Every structure is written in structure tokens, then in C-alpha cells.
Amino acid sequence: MTAHAYEYGVAADGFRSALAQHAAGVVIVTARPEGVPVGLTATSFSSVSLDPPLVSFYVDRSSTTWPWLRLADHFAVNVLGGDQHDLATRFARRGVDRFAGPTRWHEGPHDTPLLDDVAAHLVCRPHTTVDIGDHTLVVGLVVECATGVKRPLLYHRGRYGRFLPH
């Protein structure tokens, strides 16, 4: 436990445990700054606005991918399907070539890497970034999007799962 764990009235472990009760969709954010494909897994993706069309995600400021991703003039949000937990795990790891096989992808609009067989793609232009706590809030202006027919991949209590309607 850090020295400031109770500084805000809540212990870090308890806070993390409470947040784990919230199921979140899983996306992989990809870009190709300077011709090199980069990407990371995020569970903090959210819609922000319909007019203009804005989406957001948070990235840990200690991320080794973020310095590269922030250089891109466009990025893609790849909404993962329920069967793509291996891909989510791969893009969350450090020290691996995330775009090597078995990852399947193709070049999309504005030179963005688009992952194959996902539930949706949103190609964005960076709009706003704000450092908040130990993360950076990234807001993107959606310039193109496409949807598939897959149900989404979810993250809950530290595990991946699929959405099943009532």
C-alpha cells in the first residue's frame, strides 16, 4: 500500500475492487505514426458527443505505447467482438510485436491499422488530450466508422466475457 492510499478517503485496493464490478467494453486503439503500427488495449472507451461525433478513452501515462500513439494524425478504435479476448490480451502485453501473426489487420483510411473481424471501427482525428491523475484522457473526432455483426467483448472482475441479451 502506498503512503497516500487513504489520502482521498478510499484505499486503492478497495477502489480497484469496486471498479471491477463494472463491466466494460474492450477496444484496441491503433495508429501508424511515422509508418510504424502501434496499438493498445483499453476498457475506458466511451462516447462523448453526437454533434460533433466525439469518443474518448484513457491511457496510463506510464504506457510505452502512448508516446508513439500521440504522434499520429489519426487513430482507429477497434471495438472487439466477444471471441477476440486473445487479441485484447496480446495488445495489453509489453515486449511483443502486437501486429505480427496471429494478429490479422489491414490498412484503413488515413493510414490507420484496422484489425480484422471486429465489431466496429471508428477512425478518429485527435481532438483533445488532458492529463488527469495518472492517466491521459484522449478525445477523438470520429471521421469514419463501420460496424460488423459481432456482439462485443466485455471485461469484468479481471476477466473477459461475452454479452448475452436477456
Protein backbone atom coordinates (compact mmCIF):
# COMPACT_ATOMS: atom_id res chain seq x y z
CA MET A 1 0.00 0.00 0.00
CA THR A 2 1.30 3.45 -0.84
CA ALA A 3 1.67 6.10 1.81
CA HIS A 4 -1.20 8.13 0.33
CA ALA A 5 -3.65 5.24 -0.07
CA TYR A 6 -6.18 6.82 2.30
CA GLU A 7 -5.44 10.43 1.34
CA TYR A 8 -8.71 10.61 -0.61
CA GLY A 9 -10.79 8.58 1.84
CA VAL A 10 -10.60 5.26 0.00
CA ALA A 11 -7.93 2.56 -0.17
CA ALA A 12 -6.53 1.77 -3.64
CA ASP A 13 -7.32 -1.96 -3.35
CA GLY A 14 -10.92 -1.31 -2.33
CA PHE A 15 -11.34 1.25 -5.10
CA ARG A 16 -9.95 -1.18 -7.69
CA SER A 17 -12.25 -3.93 -6.39
CA ALA A 18 -15.31 -1.67 -6.62
CA LEU A 19 -14.45 -0.63 -10.18
CA ALA A 20 -14.06 -4.29 -11.18
CA GLN A 21 -17.81 -4.70 -10.61
CA HIS A 22 -18.47 -2.52 -13.66
CA ALA A 23 -18.44 -4.45 -16.93
CA ALA A 24 -16.70 -2.51 -19.69
CA GLY A 25 -16.42 -2.92 -23.42
CA VAL A 26 -12.97 -3.68 -24.81
CA VAL A 27 -11.29 -1.80 -27.64
CA ILE A 28 -7.87 -1.71 -29.20
CA VAL A 29 -6.67 1.72 -30.26
CA THR A 30 -4.31 1.60 -33.26
CA ALA A 31 -2.32 4.12 -35.26
CA ARG A 32 0.68 4.28 -37.55
CA PRO A 33 2.86 7.25 -36.62
CA GLU A 34 5.97 7.52 -38.75
CA GLY A 35 4.88 4.38 -40.63
CA VAL A 36 5.14 2.09 -37.57
CA PRO A 37 1.91 0.39 -36.40
CA VAL A 38 1.21 0.76 -32.67
CA GLY A 39 -1.73 -0.19 -30.52
CA LEU A 40 -3.02 -0.72 -27.01
CA THR A 41 -5.98 -2.31 -25.27
CA ALA A 42 -8.42 -0.02 -23.46
CA THR A 43 -11.52 -0.68 -21.37
CA SER A 44 -12.20 3.00 -20.75
CA PHE A 45 -13.72 3.74 -24.17
CA SER A 46 -16.83 5.91 -24.20
CA SER A 47 -18.97 8.02 -26.47
CA VAL A 48 -18.73 11.72 -25.68
CA SER A 49 -20.89 13.63 -28.16
CA LEU A 50 -23.06 13.08 -31.23
CA ASP A 51 -22.59 16.62 -32.57
CA PRO A 52 -19.72 16.73 -33.19
CA PRO A 53 -19.09 12.95 -33.14
CA LEU A 54 -16.58 12.51 -30.30
CA VAL A 55 -15.33 9.43 -28.45
CA SER A 56 -12.81 9.05 -25.65
CA PHE A 57 -10.53 6.64 -23.84
CA TYR A 58 -7.95 6.92 -21.07
CA VAL A 59 -4.37 5.72 -21.28
CA ASP A 60 -1.96 5.20 -18.39
CA ARG A 61 0.72 7.90 -18.56
CA SER A 62 3.36 5.21 -17.95
CA SER A 63 2.32 3.41 -21.17
CA THR A 64 5.22 2.78 -23.53
CA THR A 65 2.81 2.92 -26.49
CA TRP A 66 1.27 6.31 -25.66
CA PRO A 67 4.31 8.42 -26.70
CA TRP A 68 4.05 6.85 -30.18
CA LEU A 69 0.28 6.90 -30.39
CA ARG A 70 0.12 10.60 -29.56
CA LEU A 71 2.27 11.38 -32.62
CA ALA A 72 -0.35 10.07 -35.05
CA ASP A 73 -2.59 12.45 -37.01
CA HIS A 74 -5.35 9.76 -36.99
CA PHE A 75 -6.09 6.71 -34.86
CA ALA A 76 -8.59 3.87 -35.03
CA VAL A 77 -10.74 2.46 -32.26
CA ASN A 78 -11.32 -1.24 -32.94
CA VAL A 79 -14.33 -2.47 -30.91
CA LEU A 80 -13.57 -6.11 -30.18
CA GLY A 81 -16.01 -8.97 -30.65
CA GLY A 82 -16.81 -11.49 -27.92
CA ASP A 83 -14.42 -14.06 -29.39
CA GLN A 84 -11.38 -11.75 -29.51
CA HIS A 85 -10.10 -11.97 -25.92
CA ASP A 86 -6.73 -13.32 -27.14
CA LEU A 87 -6.28 -10.17 -29.21
CA ALA A 88 -7.13 -7.97 -26.21
CA THR A 89 -4.55 -9.82 -24.11
CA ARG A 90 -1.91 -9.56 -26.85
CA PHE A 91 -2.30 -5.78 -27.18
CA ALA A 92 -2.18 -5.37 -23.38
CA ARG A 93 1.23 -7.10 -23.15
CA ARG A 94 4.57 -5.35 -23.25
CA GLY A 95 7.52 -6.53 -25.30
CA VAL A 96 5.64 -8.35 -28.09
CA ASP A 97 5.09 -7.44 -31.74
CA ARG A 98 1.36 -6.88 -31.44
CA PHE A 99 0.85 -6.72 -35.23
CA ALA A 100 2.70 -9.96 -36.06
CA GLY A 101 0.77 -13.20 -36.60
CA PRO A 102 -1.69 -14.34 -35.42
CA THR A 103 -2.94 -10.71 -35.45
CA ARG A 104 -4.79 -10.01 -38.69
CA TRP A 105 -5.13 -6.43 -39.84
CA HIS A 106 -5.25 -4.22 -42.90
CA GLU A 107 -4.58 -0.61 -43.78
CA GLY A 108 -7.62 1.59 -43.28
CA PRO A 109 -8.47 5.20 -44.02
CA HIS A 110 -5.84 7.80 -43.14
CA ASP A 111 -3.17 5.09 -42.87
CA THR A 112 -4.75 3.61 -39.72
CA PRO A 113 -4.25 -0.08 -38.96
CA LEU A 114 -7.68 -1.74 -38.76
CA LEU A 115 -7.98 -5.10 -37.01
CA ASP A 116 -9.91 -7.76 -38.94
CA ASP A 117 -13.26 -9.21 -37.85
CA VAL A 118 -14.02 -6.71 -35.09
CA ALA A 119 -17.48 -5.48 -34.06
CA ALA A 120 -16.80 -1.92 -35.25
CA HIS A 121 -14.11 0.52 -36.39
CA LEU A 122 -14.05 4.22 -35.64
CA VAL A 123 -11.34 6.25 -37.36
CA CYS A 124 -10.61 9.44 -35.45
CA ARG A 125 -8.61 12.61 -35.63
CA PRO A 126 -7.13 13.67 -32.27
CA HIS A 127 -9.34 16.35 -30.73
CA THR A 128 -8.26 16.90 -27.10
CA THR A 129 -5.91 15.35 -24.56
CA VAL A 130 -5.92 16.17 -20.86
CA ASP A 131 -3.69 14.74 -18.14
CA ILE A 132 -5.93 13.60 -15.28
CA GLY A 133 -4.41 11.81 -12.30
CA ASP A 134 -2.11 9.03 -13.51
CA HIS A 135 -3.87 8.82 -16.91
CA THR A 136 -4.35 10.92 -20.03
CA LEU A 137 -7.86 11.47 -21.36
CA VAL A 138 -7.83 11.19 -25.16
CA VAL A 139 -10.79 12.56 -27.12
CA GLY A 140 -11.09 11.80 -30.81
CA LEU A 141 -13.26 13.33 -33.54
CA VAL A 142 -14.77 10.43 -35.50
CA VAL A 143 -14.20 10.94 -39.24
CA GLU A 144 -15.23 7.44 -40.46
CA CYS A 145 -16.87 4.38 -38.93
CA ALA A 146 -18.11 0.93 -39.87
CA THR A 147 -19.91 -1.78 -37.96
CA GLY A 148 -19.98 -5.55 -38.12
CA VAL A 149 -22.44 -8.06 -36.71
CA LYS A 150 -20.48 -9.36 -33.71
CA ARG A 151 -21.52 -8.96 -30.11
CA PRO A 152 -18.93 -7.09 -28.01
CA LEU A 153 -16.17 -8.39 -25.80
CA LEU A 154 -16.62 -7.35 -22.16
CA TYR A 155 -14.18 -7.03 -19.26
CA HIS A 156 -15.47 -7.73 -15.74
CA ARG A 157 -13.70 -8.64 -12.48
CA GLY A 158 -10.37 -9.02 -14.27
CA ARG A 159 -11.71 -11.44 -16.89
CA TYR A 160 -13.03 -11.26 -20.44
CA GLY A 161 -16.51 -12.43 -21.36
CA ARG A 162 -19.29 -12.10 -23.91
CA PHE A 163 -22.55 -10.21 -23.87
CA LEU A 164 -25.70 -12.34 -23.69
CA PRO A 165 -29.02 -10.48 -24.00
CA HIS A 166 -31.93 -11.26 -21.66
